[in-house]
Amino acid sequence: MAFLDTEKTDIRRFCGYPAYGGTPSGFQSWRFYQAYGLMEYRLNNLSPAEEQVVRNYLATLSTLEAAIPAASGNLDTDQAAVWSRNTNEPGDRMALFDGWRRRLCGFLGLPPGPDLATGGNLTLVV
C-alpha cells in the first residue's frame, strides 16, 4: 500500500528535509534538488516489505519524538530524596531520536537532510 501524504510528510521531516509544499511551483521544492528527488522516487517505489519497515521506523520515531518534550517535566527537580534526575535527559533523548532518524535515512539510502547535517556532509545540487 502506498504511503499516505501524512506518512510522506513524517518521513521527509524525520529524515531532516524541510517541507516543500503541495504545488510544483516555487524554488525550494524537492524538484530542484537531487536528494529530494531521490527521496520522492524511493517513497513512491518501495516494495510492500520495505514500506512496512519504514512504517515501523515511523512508529518508533513518533514515540521517541513525543518523549522529548515529556522530559521537560523533570527539569525543575535536581534531586528528590534518594532519586536524582539525569541532567542530560533531554539531550540524551534528542541524540537517541536523531540516531533513529539517521537509521531511517540509511535504510532509504538517502543522505541526512539539512536538519540532520553536521558540518556540510550534504551537497544539494541546484
PDB file of N, CA and C in Angstrom:
ATOM      1  N   MET A   1       0.848  -1.181   0.000  1.00  0.00           N
ATOM      2  CA  MET A   1       0.000   0.000   0.000  1.00  0.00           C
ATOM      3  C   MET A   1       0.888   1.236   0.000  1.00  0.00           C
ATOM      4  N   ALA A   2       0.612   2.150  -0.877  1.00  0.00           N
ATOM      5  CA  ALA A   2       1.415   3.376  -0.983  1.00  0.00           C
ATOM      6  C   ALA A   2       1.308   4.205   0.292  1.00  0.00           C
ATOM      7  N   PHE A   3       2.337   5.012   0.525  1.00  0.00           N
ATOM      8  CA  PHE A   3       2.330   5.872   1.700  1.00  0.00           C
ATOM      9  C   PHE A   3       1.265   6.950   1.571  1.00  0.00           C
ATOM     10  N   LEU A   4       0.626   7.269   2.677  1.00  0.00           N
ATOM     11  CA  LEU A   4      -0.294   8.398   2.738  1.00  0.00           C
ATOM     12  C   LEU A   4       0.525   9.688   2.731  1.00  0.00           C
ATOM     13  N   ASP A   5      -0.111  10.789   2.378  1.00  0.00           N
ATOM     14  CA  ASP A   5       0.591  12.080   2.394  1.00  0.00           C
ATOM     15  C   ASP A   5       1.134  12.397   3.784  1.00  0.00           C
ATOM     16  N   THR A   6       0.380  12.050   4.826  1.00  0.00           N
ATOM     17  CA  THR A   6       0.857  12.314   6.194  1.00  0.00           C
ATOM     18  C   THR A   6       2.096  11.487   6.506  1.00  0.00           C
ATOM     19  N   GLU A   7       2.147  10.252   6.008  1.00  0.00           N
ATOM     20  CA  GLU A   7       3.328   9.419   6.228  1.00  0.00           C
ATOM     21  C   GLU A   7       4.532   9.987   5.473  1.00  0.00           C
ATOM     22  N   LYS A   8       4.316  10.421   4.235  1.00  0.00           N
ATOM     23  CA  LYS A   8       5.415  11.014   3.470  1.00  0.00           C
ATOM     24  C   LYS A   8       5.928  12.277   4.155  1.00  0.00           C
ATOM     25  N   THR A   9       5.026  13.067   4.686  1.00  0.00           N
ATOM     26  CA  THR A   9       5.433  14.280   5.402  1.00  0.00           C
ATOM     27  C   THR A   9       6.300  13.917   6.595  1.00  0.00           C
ATOM     28  N   ASP A  10       5.889  12.915   7.357  1.00  0.00           N
ATOM     29  CA  ASP A  10       6.686  12.486   8.508  1.00  0.00           C
ATOM     30  C   ASP A  10       8.033  11.921   8.076  1.00  0.00           C
ATOM     31  N   ILE A  11       8.064  11.166   7.003  1.00  0.00           N
ATOM     32  CA  ILE A  11       9.330  10.606   6.521  1.00  0.00           C
ATOM     33  C   ILE A  11      10.286  11.729   6.143  1.00  0.00           C
ATOM     34  N   ARG A  12       9.786  12.710   5.381  1.00  0.00           N
ATOM     35  CA  ARG A  12      10.635  13.842   4.995  1.00  0.00           C
ATOM     36  C   ARG A  12      11.154  14.563   6.239  1.00  0.00           C
ATOM     37  N   ARG A  13      10.251  14.815   7.167  1.00  0.00           N
ATOM     38  CA  ARG A  13      10.600  15.546   8.388  1.00  0.00           C
ATOM     39  C   ARG A  13      11.614  14.761   9.216  1.00  0.00           C
ATOM     40  N   PHE A  14      11.360  13.481   9.434  1.00  0.00           N
ATOM     41  CA  PHE A  14      12.276  12.664  10.224  1.00  0.00           C
ATOM     42  C   PHE A  14      13.636  12.522   9.548  1.00  0.00           C
ATOM     43  N   CYS A  15      13.666  12.543   8.223  1.00  0.00           N
ATOM     44  CA  CYS A  15      14.942  12.459   7.502  1.00  0.00           C
ATOM     45  C   CYS A  15      15.665  13.802   7.462  1.00  0.00           C
ATOM     46  N   GLY A  16      15.058  14.844   8.024  1.00  0.00           N
ATOM     47  CA  GLY A  16      15.725  16.139   8.136  1.00  0.00           C
ATOM     48  C   GLY A  16      15.494  17.083   6.975  1.00  0.00           C
ATOM     49  N   TYR A  17      14.506  16.786   6.132  1.00  0.00           N
ATOM     50  CA  TYR A  17      14.240  17.646   4.977  1.00  0.00           C
ATOM     51  C   TYR A  17      13.076  18.582   5.275  1.00  0.00           C
ATOM     52  N   PRO A  18      13.161  19.823   4.792  1.00  0.00           N
ATOM     53  CA  PRO A  18      12.083  20.776   5.038  1.00  0.00           C
ATOM     54  C   PRO A  18      10.858  20.466   4.186  1.00  0.00           C
ATOM     55  N   ALA A  19       9.745  21.052   4.584  1.00  0.00           N
ATOM     56  CA  ALA A  19       8.516  20.917   3.809  1.00  0.00           C
ATOM     57  C   ALA A  19       8.722  21.530   2.432  1.00  0.00           C
ATOM     58  N   TYR A  20       8.063  20.973   1.443  1.00  0.00           N
ATOM     59  CA  TYR A  20       8.213  21.523   0.096  1.00  0.00           C
ATOM     60  C   TYR A  20       6.918  22.077  -0.457  1.00  0.00           C
ATOM     61  N   GLY A  21       5.814  21.935   0.236  1.00  0.00           N
ATOM     62  CA  GLY A  21       4.546  22.481  -0.234  1.00  0.00           C
ATOM     63  C   GLY A  21       3.788  21.494  -1.098  1.00  0.00           C
ATOM     64  N   GLY A  22       2.609  21.910  -1.509  1.00  0.00           N
ATOM     65  CA  GLY A  22       1.751  20.997  -2.238  1.00  0.00           C
ATOM     66  C   GLY A  22       1.635  21.274  -3.717  1.00  0.00           C
ATOM     67  N   THR A  23       2.400  22.222  -4.229  1.00  0.00           N
ATOM     68  CA  THR A  23       2.304  22.534  -5.652  1.00  0.00           C
ATOM     69  C   THR A  23       3.678  22.430  -6.296  1.00  0.00           C
ATOM     70  N   PRO A  24       3.734  22.213  -7.593  1.00  0.00           N
ATOM     71  CA  PRO A  24       5.026  22.076  -8.260  1.00  0.00           C
ATOM     72  C   PRO A  24       5.723  23.408  -8.542  1.00  0.00           C
ATOM     73  N   SER A  25       5.267  24.489  -7.956  1.00  0.00           N
ATOM     74  CA  SER A  25       5.913  25.778  -8.186  1.00  0.00           C
ATOM     75  C   SER A  25       6.790  26.141  -7.000  1.00  0.00           C
ATOM     76  N   GLY A  26       7.602  27.157  -7.161  1.00  0.00           N
ATOM     77  CA  GLY A  26       8.489  27.588  -6.089  1.00  0.00           C
ATOM     78  C   GLY A  26       9.898  27.114  -6.327  1.00  0.00           C
ATOM     79  N   PHE A  27      10.829  27.659  -5.585  1.00  0.00           N
ATOM     80  CA  PHE A  27      12.230  27.339  -5.813  1.00  0.00           C
ATOM     81  C   PHE A  27      12.836  26.461  -4.738  1.00  0.00           C
ATOM     82  N   GLN A  28      12.090  26.096  -3.687  1.00  0.00           N
ATOM     83  CA  GLN A  28      12.668  25.269  -2.639  1.00  0.00           C
ATOM     84  C   GLN A  28      12.055  23.884  -2.581  1.00  0.00           C
ATOM     85  N   SER A  29      11.384  23.460  -3.602  1.00  0.00           N
ATOM     86  CA  SER A  29      10.770  22.147  -3.562  1.00  0.00           C
ATOM     87  C   SER A  29      11.799  21.068  -3.880  1.00  0.00           C
ATOM     88  N   TRP A  30      11.456  19.833  -3.611  1.00  0.00           N
ATOM     89  CA  TRP A  30      12.355  18.709  -3.862  1.00  0.00           C
ATOM     90  C   TRP A  30      12.712  18.610  -5.333  1.00  0.00           C
ATOM     91  N   ARG A  31      11.886  19.185  -6.186  1.00  0.00           N
ATOM     92  CA  ARG A  31      12.103  19.081  -7.623  1.00  0.00           C
ATOM     93  C   ARG A  31      13.407  19.740  -8.067  1.00  0.00           C
ATOM     94  N   PHE A  32      13.988  20.581  -7.212  1.00  0.00           N
ATOM     95  CA  PHE A  32      15.205  21.303  -7.573  1.00  0.00           C
ATOM     96  C   PHE A  32      16.461  20.709  -6.950  1.00  0.00           C
ATOM     97  N   TYR A  33      16.340  19.638  -6.191  1.00  0.00           N
ATOM     98  CA  TYR A  33      17.487  19.061  -5.507  1.00  0.00           C
ATOM     99  C   TYR A  33      17.522  17.555  -5.730  1.00  0.00           C
ATOM    100  N   GLN A  34      18.686  17.011  -6.040  1.00  0.00           N
ATOM    101  CA  GLN A  34      18.816  15.580  -6.291  1.00  0.00           C
ATOM    102  C   GLN A  34      18.387  14.748  -5.094  1.00  0.00           C
ATOM    103  N   ALA A  35      18.791  15.149  -3.896  1.00  0.00           N
ATOM    104  CA  ALA A  35      18.463  14.368  -2.705  1.00  0.00           C
ATOM    105  C   ALA A  35      16.952  14.299  -2.503  1.00  0.00           C
ATOM    106  N   TYR A  36      16.266  15.400  -2.746  1.00  0.00           N
ATOM    107  CA  TYR A  36      14.822  15.420  -2.584  1.00  0.00           C
ATOM    108  C   TYR A  36      14.172  14.519  -3.646  1.00  0.00           C
ATOM    109  N   GLY A  37      14.641  14.626  -4.875  1.00  0.00           N
ATOM    110  CA  GLY A  37      14.105  13.793  -5.949  1.00  0.00           C
ATOM    111  C   GLY A  37      14.323  12.320  -5.683  1.00  0.00           C
ATOM    112  N   LEU A  38      15.504  11.967  -5.172  1.00  0.00           N
ATOM    113  CA  LEU A  38      15.789  10.586  -4.826  1.00  0.00           C
ATOM    114  C   LEU A  38      14.831  10.100  -3.754  1.00  0.00           C
ATOM    115  N   MET A  39      14.588  10.944  -2.753  1.00  0.00           N
ATOM    116  CA  MET A  39      13.671  10.561  -1.682  1.00  0.00           C
ATOM    117  C   MET A  39      12.273  10.303  -2.244  1.00  0.00           C
ATOM    118  N   GLU A  40      11.787  11.205  -3.057  1.00  0.00           N
ATOM    119  CA  GLU A  40      10.444  11.035  -3.622  1.00  0.00           C
ATOM    120  C   GLU A  40      10.366   9.785  -4.485  1.00  0.00           C
ATOM    121  N   TYR A  41      11.405   9.522  -5.254  1.00  0.00           N
ATOM    122  CA  TYR A  41      11.426   8.307  -6.071  1.00  0.00           C
ATOM    123  C   TYR A  41      11.353   7.070  -5.178  1.00  0.00           C
ATOM    124  N   ARG A  42      12.176   7.047  -4.151  1.00  0.00           N
ATOM    125  CA  ARG A  42      12.195   5.889  -3.253  1.00  0.00           C
ATOM    126  C   ARG A  42      10.840   5.710  -2.573  1.00  0.00           C
ATOM    127  N   LEU A  43      10.266   6.803  -2.074  1.00  0.00           N
ATOM    128  CA  LEU A  43       8.984   6.697  -1.359  1.00  0.00           C
ATOM    129  C   LEU A  43       7.878   6.180  -2.271  1.00  0.00           C
ATOM    130  N   ASN A  44       7.970   6.480  -3.546  1.00  0.00           N
ATOM    131  CA  ASN A  44       6.930   6.046  -4.483  1.00  0.00           C
ATOM    132  C   ASN A  44       7.206   4.679  -5.097  1.00  0.00           C
ATOM    133  N   ASN A  45       8.374   4.090  -4.828  1.00  0.00           N
ATOM    134  CA  ASN A  45       8.738   2.842  -5.496  1.00  0.00           C
ATOM    135  C   ASN A  45       9.259   1.750  -4.561  1.00  0.00           C
ATOM    136  N   LEU A  46       9.003   1.840  -3.272  1.00  0.00           N
ATOM    137  CA  LEU A  46       9.431   0.790  -2.352  1.00  0.00           C
ATOM    138  C   LEU A  46       8.541  -0.437  -2.499  1.00  0.00           C
ATOM    139  N   SER A  47       9.089  -1.585  -2.192  1.00  0.00           N
ATOM    140  CA  SER A  47       8.287  -2.811  -2.178  1.00  0.00           C
ATOM    141  C   SER A  47       7.389  -2.786  -0.936  1.00  0.00           C
ATOM    142  N   PRO A  48       6.332  -3.594  -0.916  1.00  0.00           N
ATOM    143  CA  PRO A  48       5.472  -3.638   0.270  1.00  0.00           C
ATOM    144  C   PRO A  48       6.244  -3.989   1.558  1.00  0.00           C
ATOM    145  N   ALA A  49       7.210  -4.892   1.460  1.00  0.00           N
ATOM    146  CA  ALA A  49       8.004  -5.255   2.641  1.00  0.00           C
ATOM    147  C   ALA A  49       8.842  -4.068   3.120  1.00  0.00           C
ATOM    148  N   GLU A  50       9.412  -3.315   2.170  1.00  0.00           N
ATOM    149  CA  GLU A  50      10.196  -2.137   2.532  1.00  0.00           C
ATOM    150  C   GLU A  50       9.309  -1.055   3.130  1.00  0.00           C
ATOM    151  N   GLU A  51       8.113  -0.894   2.594  1.00  0.00           N
ATOM    152  CA  GLU A  51       7.177   0.085   3.159  1.00  0.00           C
ATOM    153  C   GLU A  51       6.861  -0.259   4.611  1.00  0.00           C
ATOM    154  N   GLN A  52       6.726  -1.549   4.909  1.00  0.00           N
ATOM    155  CA  GLN A  52       6.436  -1.959   6.282  1.00  0.00           C
ATOM    156  C   GLN A  52       7.595  -1.618   7.217  1.00  0.00           C
ATOM    157  N   VAL A  53       8.816  -1.804   6.742  1.00  0.00           N
ATOM    158  CA  VAL A  53       9.979  -1.432   7.558  1.00  0.00           C
ATOM    159  C   VAL A  53       9.944   0.066   7.844  1.00  0.00           C
ATOM    160  N   VAL A  54       9.653   0.875   6.832  1.00  0.00           N
ATOM    161  CA  VAL A  54       9.583   2.325   7.027  1.00  0.00           C
ATOM    162  C   VAL A  54       8.466   2.671   8.003  1.00  0.00           C
ATOM    163  N   ARG A  55       7.332   1.997   7.908  1.00  0.00           N
ATOM    164  CA  ARG A  55       6.230   2.263   8.853  1.00  0.00           C
ATOM    165  C   ARG A  55       6.635   1.896  10.281  1.00  0.00           C
ATOM    166  N   ASN A  56       7.450   0.856  10.439  1.00  0.00           N
ATOM    167  CA  ASN A  56       7.963   0.518  11.772  1.00  0.00           C
ATOM    168  C   ASN A  56       8.873   1.633  12.288  1.00  0.00           C
ATOM    169  N   TYR A  57       9.713   2.174  11.401  1.00  0.00           N
ATOM    170  CA  TYR A  57      10.546   3.313  11.777  1.00  0.00           C
ATOM    171  C   TYR A  57       9.670   4.494  12.198  1.00  0.00           C
ATOM    172  N   LEU A  58       8.611   4.762  11.439  1.00  0.00           N
ATOM    173  CA  LEU A  58       7.733   5.894  11.765  1.00  0.00           C
ATOM    174  C   LEU A  58       7.113   5.731  13.153  1.00  0.00           C
ATOM    175  N   ALA A  59       6.698   4.521  13.493  1.00  0.00           N
ATOM    176  CA  ALA A  59       6.107   4.276  14.813  1.00  0.00           C
ATOM    177  C   ALA A  59       7.140   4.522  15.912  1.00  0.00           C
ATOM    178  N   THR A  60       8.351   4.008  15.719  1.00  0.00           N
ATOM    179  CA  THR A  60       9.412   4.204  16.717  1.00  0.00           C
ATOM    180  C   THR A  60       9.762   5.677  16.842  1.00  0.00           C
ATOM    181  N   LEU A  61       9.934   6.353  15.719  1.00  0.00           N
ATOM    182  CA  LEU A  61      10.320   7.764  15.732  1.00  0.00           C
ATOM    183  C   LEU A  61       9.239   8.642  16.351  1.00  0.00           C
ATOM    184  N   SER A  62       7.982   8.327  16.096  1.00  0.00           N
ATOM    185  CA  SER A  62       6.896   9.112  16.700  1.00  0.00           C
ATOM    186  C   SER A  62       6.917   8.984  18.217  1.00  0.00           C
ATOM    187  N   THR A  63       7.175   7.773  18.712  1.00  0.00           N
ATOM    188  CA  THR A  63       7.260   7.550  20.160  1.00  0.00           C
ATOM    189  C   THR A  63       8.449   8.303  20.755  1.00  0.00           C
ATOM    190  N   LEU A  64       9.606   8.211  20.099  1.00  0.00           N
ATOM    191  CA  LEU A  64      10.797   8.904  20.599  1.00  0.00           C
ATOM    192  C   LEU A  64      10.610  10.416  20.567  1.00  0.00           C
ATOM    193  N   GLU A  65       9.990  10.924  19.509  1.00  0.00           N
ATOM    194  CA  GLU A  65       9.773  12.363  19.394  1.00  0.00           C
ATOM    195  C   GLU A  65       8.845  12.860  20.502  1.00  0.00           C
ATOM    196  N   ALA A  66       7.798  12.101  20.799  1.00  0.00           N
ATOM    197  CA  ALA A  66       6.851  12.506  21.845  1.00  0.00           C
ATOM    198  C   ALA A  66       7.491  12.492  23.227  1.00  0.00           C
ATOM    199  N   ALA A  67       8.518  11.674  23.429  1.00  0.00           N
ATOM    200  CA  ALA A  67       9.172  11.579  24.734  1.00  0.00           C
ATOM    201  C   ALA A  67      10.082  12.768  25.016  1.00  0.00           C
ATOM    202  N   ILE A  68      10.512  13.481  23.987  1.00  0.00           N
ATOM    203  CA  ILE A  68      11.443  14.594  24.205  1.00  0.00           C
ATOM    204  C   ILE A  68      10.793  15.726  24.997  1.00  0.00           C
ATOM    205  N   PRO A  69       9.637  16.243  24.579  1.00  0.00           N
ATOM    206  CA  PRO A  69       9.015  17.298  25.387  1.00  0.00           C
ATOM    207  C   PRO A  69       8.610  16.815  26.778  1.00  0.00           C
ATOM    208  N   ALA A  70       8.261  15.526  26.892  1.00  0.00           N
ATOM    209  CA  ALA A  70       7.876  14.982  28.194  1.00  0.00           C
ATOM    210  C   ALA A  70       9.038  15.019  29.186  1.00  0.00           C
ATOM    211  N   ALA A  71      10.272  15.004  28.688  1.00  0.00           N
ATOM    212  CA  ALA A  71      11.439  15.064  29.570  1.00  0.00           C
ATOM    213  C   ALA A  71      11.507  16.385  30.313  1.00  0.00           C
ATOM    214  N   SER A  72      10.861  17.408  29.793  1.00  0.00           N
ATOM    215  CA  SER A  72      10.896  18.716  30.458  1.00  0.00           C
ATOM    216  C   SER A  72      10.145  18.703  31.780  1.00  0.00           C
ATOM    217  N   GLY A  73       9.336  17.688  32.015  1.00  0.00           N
ATOM    218  CA  GLY A  73       8.610  17.593  33.278  1.00  0.00           C
ATOM    219  C   GLY A  73       9.515  17.415  34.479  1.00  0.00           C
ATOM    220  N   ASN A  74      10.735  16.960  34.284  1.00  0.00           N
ATOM    221  CA  ASN A  74      11.670  16.747  35.386  1.00  0.00           C
ATOM    222  C   ASN A  74      12.761  17.805  35.464  1.00  0.00           C
ATOM    223  N   LEU A  75      12.694  18.830  34.649  1.00  0.00           N
ATOM    224  CA  LEU A  75      13.755  19.825  34.637  1.00  0.00           C
ATOM    225  C   LEU A  75      13.795  20.676  35.899  1.00  0.00           C
ATOM    226  N   ASP A  76      12.698  20.708  36.645  1.00  0.00           N
ATOM    227  CA  ASP A  76      12.668  21.537  37.850  1.00  0.00           C
ATOM    228  C   ASP A  76      13.208  20.815  39.077  1.00  0.00           C
ATOM    229  N   THR A  77      13.485  19.514  38.973  1.00  0.00           N
ATOM    230  CA  THR A  77      13.964  18.741  40.117  1.00  0.00           C
ATOM    231  C   THR A  77      15.363  18.235  39.838  1.00  0.00           C
ATOM    232  N   ASP A  78      16.305  18.641  40.682  1.00  0.00           N
ATOM    233  CA  ASP A  78      17.657  18.133  40.524  1.00  0.00           C
ATOM    234  C   ASP A  78      17.856  16.903  41.381  1.00  0.00           C
ATOM    235  N   GLN A  79      17.216  16.887  42.559  1.00  0.00           N
ATOM    236  CA  GLN A  79      17.321  15.726  43.424  1.00  0.00           C
ATOM    237  C   GLN A  79      16.137  15.720  44.377  1.00  0.00           C
ATOM    238  N   ALA A  80      15.513  14.565  44.551  1.00  0.00           N
ATOM    239  CA  ALA A  80      14.396  14.402  45.470  1.00  0.00           C
ATOM    240  C   ALA A  80      14.643  13.126  46.259  1.00  0.00           C
ATOM    241  N   ALA A  81      14.806  13.257  47.552  1.00  0.00           N
ATOM    242  CA  ALA A  81      15.132  12.122  48.419  1.00  0.00           C
ATOM    243  C   ALA A  81      16.382  11.437  47.854  1.00  0.00           C
ATOM    244  N   VAL A  82      16.314  10.159  47.552  1.00  0.00           N
ATOM    245  CA  VAL A  82      17.475   9.467  47.014  1.00  0.00           C
ATOM    246  C   VAL A  82      17.486   9.476  45.491  1.00  0.00           C
ATOM    247  N   TRP A  83      16.405   9.926  44.907  1.00  0.00           N
ATOM    248  CA  TRP A  83      16.306   9.973  43.451  1.00  0.00           C
ATOM    249  C   TRP A  83      16.914  11.255  42.939  1.00  0.00           C
ATOM    250  N   SER A  84      17.674  11.181  41.889  1.00  0.00           N
ATOM    251  CA  SER A  84      18.126  12.394  41.229  1.00  0.00           C
ATOM    252  C   SER A  84      18.000  12.168  39.722  1.00  0.00           C
ATOM    253  N   ARG A  85      17.606  13.200  39.053  1.00  0.00           N
ATOM    254  CA  ARG A  85      17.330  13.074  37.628  1.00  0.00           C
ATOM    255  C   ARG A  85      18.616  13.059  36.813  1.00  0.00           C
ATOM    256  N   ASN A  86      18.505  12.550  35.629  1.00  0.00           N
ATOM    257  CA  ASN A  86      19.591  12.595  34.662  1.00  0.00           C
ATOM    258  C   ASN A  86      19.573  14.002  34.074  1.00  0.00           C
ATOM    259  N   THR A  87      20.548  14.800  34.415  1.00  0.00           N
ATOM    260  CA  THR A  87      20.557  16.187  33.933  1.00  0.00           C
ATOM    261  C   THR A  87      20.747  16.259  32.418  1.00  0.00           C
ATOM    262  N   ASN A  88      21.185  15.177  31.821  1.00  0.00           N
ATOM    263  CA  ASN A  88      21.375  15.139  30.372  1.00  0.00           C
ATOM    264  C   ASN A  88      20.198  14.505  29.636  1.00  0.00           C
ATOM    265  N   GLU A  89      19.091  14.241  30.338  1.00  0.00           N
ATOM    266  CA  GLU A  89      17.987  13.503  29.726  1.00  0.00           C
ATOM    267  C   GLU A  89      17.476  14.129  28.428  1.00  0.00           C
ATOM    268  N   PRO A  90      17.180  15.426  28.395  1.00  0.00           N
ATOM    269  CA  PRO A  90      16.682  15.974  27.120  1.00  0.00           C
ATOM    270  C   PRO A  90      17.688  15.781  25.973  1.00  0.00           C
ATOM    271  N   GLY A  91      18.954  16.035  26.245  1.00  0.00           N
ATOM    272  CA  GLY A  91      19.979  15.846  25.212  1.00  0.00           C
ATOM    273  C   GLY A  91      20.140  14.385  24.828  1.00  0.00           C
ATOM    274  N   ASP A  92      20.072  13.491  25.819  1.00  0.00           N
ATOM    275  CA  ASP A  92      20.167  12.061  25.539  1.00  0.00           C
ATOM    276  C   ASP A  92      19.001  11.601  24.667  1.00  0.00           C
ATOM    277  N   ARG A  93      17.818  12.102  24.977  1.00  0.00           N
ATOM    278  CA  ARG A  93      16.643  11.732  24.186  1.00  0.00           C
ATOM    279  C   ARG A  93      16.749  12.273  22.751  1.00  0.00           C
ATOM    280  N   MET A  94      17.249  13.502  22.609  1.00  0.00           N
ATOM    281  CA  MET A  94      17.436  14.069  21.264  1.00  0.00           C
ATOM    282  C   MET A  94      18.458  13.251  20.480  1.00  0.00           C
ATOM    283  N   ALA A  95      19.545  12.862  21.137  1.00  0.00           N
ATOM    284  CA  ALA A  95      20.574  12.070  20.459  1.00  0.00           C
ATOM    285  C   ALA A  95      20.015  10.717  20.018  1.00  0.00           C
ATOM    286  N   LEU A  96      19.216  10.086  20.866  1.00  0.00           N
ATOM    287  CA  LEU A  96      18.595   8.815  20.516  1.00  0.00           C
ATOM    288  C   LEU A  96      17.639   8.997  19.335  1.00  0.00           C
ATOM    289  N   PHE A  97      16.826  10.040  19.395  1.00  0.00           N
ATOM    290  CA  PHE A  97      15.883  10.357  18.329  1.00  0.00           C
ATOM    291  C   PHE A  97      16.624  10.608  17.014  1.00  0.00           C
ATOM    292  N   ASP A  98      17.655  11.442  17.059  1.00  0.00           N
ATOM    293  CA  ASP A  98      18.422  11.747  15.849  1.00  0.00           C
ATOM    294  C   ASP A  98      19.131  10.506  15.306  1.00  0.00           C
ATOM    295  N   GLY A  99      19.583   9.629  16.189  1.00  0.00           N
ATOM    296  CA  GLY A  99      20.204   8.389  15.742  1.00  0.00           C
ATOM    297  C   GLY A  99      19.231   7.526  14.952  1.00  0.00           C
ATOM    298  N   TRP A 100      18.010   7.421  15.433  1.00  0.00           N
ATOM    299  CA  TRP A 100      16.989   6.661  14.711  1.00  0.00           C
ATOM    300  C   TRP A 100      16.614   7.348  13.404  1.00  0.00           C
ATOM    301  N   ARG A 101      16.619   8.667  13.395  1.00  0.00           N
ATOM    302  CA  ARG A 101      16.342   9.401  12.154  1.00  0.00           C
ATOM    303  C   ARG A 101      17.415   9.064  11.116  1.00  0.00           C
ATOM    304  N   ARG A 102      18.658   9.025  11.538  1.00  0.00           N
ATOM    305  CA  ARG A 102      19.753   8.689  10.626  1.00  0.00           C
ATOM    306  C   ARG A 102      19.644   7.244  10.128  1.00  0.00           C
ATOM    307  N   ARG A 103      19.168   6.359  10.988  1.00  0.00           N
ATOM    308  CA  ARG A 103      18.974   4.965  10.574  1.00  0.00           C
ATOM    309  C   ARG A 103      17.913   4.876   9.481  1.00  0.00           C
ATOM    310  N   LEU A 104      16.846   5.672   9.610  1.00  0.00           N
ATOM    311  CA  LEU A 104      15.818   5.705   8.567  1.00  0.00           C
ATOM    312  C   LEU A 104      16.425   6.200   7.259  1.00  0.00           C
ATOM    313  N   CYS A 105      17.226   7.263   7.319  1.00  0.00           N
ATOM    314  CA  CYS A 105      17.911   7.763   6.117  1.00  0.00           C
ATOM    315  C   CYS A 105      18.776   6.666   5.514  1.00  0.00           C
ATOM    316  N   GLY A 106      19.500   5.959   6.354  1.00  0.00           N
ATOM    317  CA  GLY A 106      20.362   4.879   5.868  1.00  0.00           C
ATOM    318  C   GLY A 106      19.566   3.778   5.195  1.00  0.00           C
ATOM    319  N   PHE A 107      18.438   3.404   5.780  1.00  0.00           N
ATOM    320  CA  PHE A 107      17.613   2.369   5.159  1.00  0.00           C
ATOM    321  C   PHE A 107      17.098   2.811   3.798  1.00  0.00           C
ATOM    322  N   LEU A 108      16.724   4.084   3.697  1.00  0.00           N
ATOM    323  CA  LEU A 108      16.212   4.606   2.433  1.00  0.00           C
ATOM    324  C   LEU A 108      17.329   4.946   1.447  1.00  0.00           C
ATOM    325  N   GLY A 109      18.580   4.885   1.883  1.00  0.00           N
ATOM    326  CA  GLY A 109      19.698   5.201   1.003  1.00  0.00           C
ATOM    327  C   GLY A 109      19.794   6.682   0.696  1.00  0.00           C
ATOM    328  N   LEU A 110      19.435   7.510   1.670  1.00  0.00           N
ATOM    329  CA  LEU A 110      19.416   8.962   1.495  1.00  0.00           C
ATOM    330  C   LEU A 110      20.444   9.624   2.387  1.00  0.00           C
ATOM    331  N   PRO A 111      21.029  10.714   1.933  1.00  0.00           N
ATOM    332  CA  PRO A 111      21.859  11.490   2.854  1.00  0.00           C
ATOM    333  C   PRO A 111      20.938  12.168   3.856  1.00  0.00           C
ATOM    334  N   PRO A 112      21.370  12.297   5.097  1.00  0.00           N
ATOM    335  CA  PRO A 112      20.545  13.038   6.058  1.00  0.00           C
ATOM    336  C   PRO A 112      20.273  14.440   5.527  1.00  0.00           C
ATOM    337  N   GLY A 113      19.068  14.924   5.767  1.00  0.00           N
ATOM    338  CA  GLY A 113      18.681  16.243   5.285  1.00  0.00           C
ATOM    339  C   GLY A 113      19.359  17.367   6.037  1.00  0.00           C
ATOM    340  N   PRO A 114      19.117  18.592   5.614  1.00  0.00           N
ATOM    341  CA  PRO A 114      19.757  19.764   6.231  1.00  0.00           C
ATOM    342  C   PRO A 114      19.554  19.835   7.742  1.00  0.00           C
ATOM    343  N   ASP A 115      18.417  19.379   8.239  1.00  0.00           N
ATOM    344  CA  ASP A 115      18.163  19.415   9.678  1.00  0.00           C
ATOM    345  C   ASP A 115      19.054  18.442  10.444  1.00  0.00           C
ATOM    346  N   LEU A 116      19.557  17.420   9.777  1.00  0.00           N
ATOM    347  CA  LEU A 116      20.438  16.432  10.409  1.00  0.00           C
ATOM    348  C   LEU A 116      21.897  16.583   9.994  1.00  0.00           C
ATOM    349  N   ALA A 117      22.175  17.485   9.077  1.00  0.00           N
ATOM    350  CA  ALA A 117      23.539  17.649   8.586  1.00  0.00           C
ATOM    351  C   ALA A 117      24.450  18.159   9.698  1.00  0.00           C
ATOM    352  N   THR A 118      25.634  17.587   9.748  1.00  0.00           N
ATOM    353  CA  THR A 118      26.612  18.005  10.752  1.00  0.00           C
ATOM    354  C   THR A 118      27.905  18.363  10.058  1.00  0.00           C
ATOM    355  N   GLY A 119      28.040  19.595   9.706  1.00  0.00           N
ATOM    356  CA  GLY A 119      29.307  20.043   9.141  1.00  0.00           C
ATOM    357  C   GLY A 119      29.412  19.930   7.630  1.00  0.00           C
ATOM    358  N   GLY A 120      28.322  20.057   6.937  1.00  0.00           N
ATOM    359  CA  GLY A 120      28.391  20.155   5.484  1.00  0.00           C
ATOM    360  C   GLY A 120      28.597  18.852   4.746  1.00  0.00           C
ATOM    361  N   ASN A 121      28.162  17.725   5.292  1.00  0.00           N
ATOM    362  CA  ASN A 121      28.313  16.472   4.581  1.00  0.00           C
ATOM    363  C   ASN A 121      27.159  16.184   3.645  1.00  0.00           C
ATOM    364  N   LEU A 122      26.315  17.179   3.393  1.00  0.00           N
ATOM    365  CA  LEU A 122      25.225  17.057   2.437  1.00  0.00           C
ATOM    366  C   LEU A 122      25.431  18.071   1.342  1.00  0.00           C
ATOM    367  N   THR A 123      25.443  17.610   0.110  1.00  0.00           N
ATOM    368  CA  THR A 123      25.600  18.512  -1.013  1.00  0.00           C
ATOM    369  C   THR A 123      24.317  18.515  -1.810  1.00  0.00           C
ATOM    370  N   LEU A 124      23.667  19.656  -1.890  1.00  0.00           N
ATOM    371  CA  LEU A 124      22.466  19.798  -2.694  1.00  0.00           C
ATOM    372  C   LEU A 124      22.868  20.386  -4.034  1.00  0.00           C
ATOM    373  N   VAL A 125      22.502  19.729  -5.104  1.00  0.00           N
ATOM    374  CA  VAL A 125      22.853  20.170  -6.439  1.00  0.00           C
ATOM    375  C   VAL A 125      21.684  20.949  -7.011  1.00  0.00           C
ATOM    376  N   VAL A 126      21.937  22.191  -7.396  1.00  0.00           N
ATOM    377  CA  VAL A 126      20.881  23.039  -7.955  1.00  0.00           C
ATOM    378  C   VAL A 126      20.917  22.960  -9.449  1.00  0.00           C
TER     379      VAL A 126
END
